[in-house]
Protein backbone atom coordinates (compact mmCIF):
# COMPACT_ATOMS: atom_id res chain seq x y z
CA MET A 1 4.32 18.54 2.02
CA GLU A 2 7.93 18.70 1.00
CA ALA A 3 11.10 17.35 2.52
CA SER A 4 14.43 19.06 2.75
CA LEU A 5 17.89 17.72 3.36
CA ILE A 6 19.21 18.76 6.75
CA GLN A 7 22.41 18.27 8.66
CA SER A 8 21.51 16.65 11.94
CA GLU A 9 22.62 13.84 14.18
CA THR A 10 19.23 12.16 13.84
CA ALA A 11 17.03 12.96 10.83
CA ILE A 12 18.51 13.41 7.38
CA TYR A 13 15.27 14.61 5.79
CA ARG A 14 12.80 16.98 7.42
CA LEU A 15 9.20 16.96 6.23
CA ASP A 16 7.54 20.35 6.32
CA ASN A 17 4.55 21.11 8.53
CA SER A 18 1.91 21.32 5.80
CA PRO A 19 -1.51 19.90 6.61
CA GLY A 20 -1.84 16.23 5.79
CA TYR A 21 -0.57 12.90 6.92
CA VAL A 22 3.16 12.56 7.55
CA TYR A 23 3.25 9.06 6.06
CA GLU A 24 1.82 10.40 2.78
CA ALA A 25 4.41 13.19 2.66
CA MET A 26 7.13 10.65 3.37
CA ALA A 27 5.83 8.31 0.64
CA ASP A 28 5.66 11.26 -1.80
CA HIS A 29 9.25 12.21 -0.98
CA LEU A 30 10.43 8.62 -1.45
CA ALA A 31 8.53 8.49 -4.76
CA GLY A 32 10.39 11.63 -5.79
CA ARG A 33 13.69 9.97 -4.93
CA ILE A 34 12.65 7.03 -7.14
CA ALA A 35 11.51 9.34 -9.97
CA HIS A 36 14.83 11.20 -9.91
CA GLY A 37 16.89 7.99 -9.95
CA GLU A 38 18.31 8.21 -6.44
CA LEU A 39 16.57 4.92 -5.61
CA THR A 40 16.81 2.60 -8.63
CA ALA A 41 15.03 -0.52 -9.87
CA ASN A 42 15.71 -3.71 -7.92
CA MET A 43 17.64 -1.76 -5.27
CA PRO A 44 16.69 -2.58 -1.68
CA LEU A 45 14.66 0.14 0.00
CA PRO A 46 16.32 1.08 3.29
CA SER A 47 14.79 -0.78 6.22
CA GLU A 48 11.75 0.77 7.86
CA ARG A 49 13.83 1.43 10.97
CA ARG A 50 16.45 3.22 8.88
CA LEU A 51 13.77 5.24 7.06
CA ALA A 52 12.28 6.23 10.41
CA GLU A 53 15.69 7.50 11.52
CA GLU A 54 16.37 9.30 8.21
CA TYR A 55 13.05 11.12 8.32
CA GLY A 56 12.82 11.60 12.08
CA VAL A 57 9.47 9.79 12.30
CA SER A 58 8.10 6.84 14.23
CA LEU A 59 8.58 3.29 13.00
CA GLY A 60 4.80 3.07 12.45
CA THR A 61 4.90 6.10 10.16
CA ALA A 62 7.76 4.60 8.16
CA ARG A 63 5.85 1.31 7.87
CA HIS A 64 2.75 3.12 6.67
CA ALA A 65 4.78 5.06 4.07
CA THR A 66 6.27 1.79 2.82
CA ARG A 67 2.77 0.33 2.58
CA VAL A 68 1.65 3.35 0.50
CA LEU A 69 4.59 2.81 -1.88
CA ARG A 70 3.63 -0.86 -2.18
CA VAL A 71 0.01 0.06 -3.04
CA ARG A 72 1.28 2.55 -5.63
CA GLY A 73 3.33 -0.24 -7.23
CA LEU A 74 6.66 1.46 -6.58
CA VAL A 75 8.10 -1.23 -4.30
CA VAL A 76 7.73 -4.97 -3.84
CA THR A 77 8.25 -6.80 -0.58
CA ILE A 78 9.62 -10.32 -0.46
CA ARG A 79 9.02 -12.07 2.84
CA SER A 80 12.24 -12.66 4.80
CA LYS A 81 14.26 -10.79 2.16
CA GLY A 82 13.17 -7.16 2.26
CA THR A 83 11.51 -4.45 0.22
CA TYR A 84 12.88 -3.55 -3.21
CA ILE A 85 12.26 -0.82 -5.74
CA ALA A 86 9.97 -2.24 -8.44
CA PRO A 87 11.49 -2.77 -11.91
CA ASP A 88 9.28 -0.11 -13.55
CA ALA A 89 9.07 2.17 -10.49
CA LYS A 90 10.92 5.15 -12.00
CA ALA A 91 8.44 5.58 -14.87
CA GLN A 92 5.48 4.99 -12.54
CA ALA A 93 6.80 7.49 -10.00
CA GLN A 94 7.36 10.09 -12.71
CA GLU A 95 3.77 9.59 -13.96
CA GLN A 96 2.39 9.82 -10.43
CA LEU A 97 4.37 12.99 -9.69
CA ALA A 98 3.23 14.56 -12.96
CA GLY A 99 -0.36 13.69 -12.09
CA SER A 100 -0.11 15.16 -8.61
CA ASN A 101 1.28 18.41 -10.04
CA GLY A 102 -1.76 18.83 -12.28
CA ALA A 103 0.05 17.83 -15.47
CA SER A 104 -1.99 15.39 -17.52
CA GLY A 105 0.41 14.87 -20.39
CA HIS A 106 -2.29 15.85 -22.90
CA ALA A 107 -2.18 18.93 -25.13
């Protein structure tokens, strides 16, 4: 699944209709934003409510996507403070994206 930037009053990003879970596509898109430096180390991740609005998904879907990012080691959540991009998230996201595209990094 891919996401595209759209001009709309509600969603900023639109996930395509490929088979699969929306929360995984959303997590993959956010990982891409981290890998490309749009979301940088130690930067707060937008709130789950804000992410839900940006992607035009339910709050539960945004929460699940955030949970996936946490499991992947791309974000850390500090109770009562928020969720932040992990210090080494860019390199990890780039490795994960390369792995999901079939690139192993070996000759």
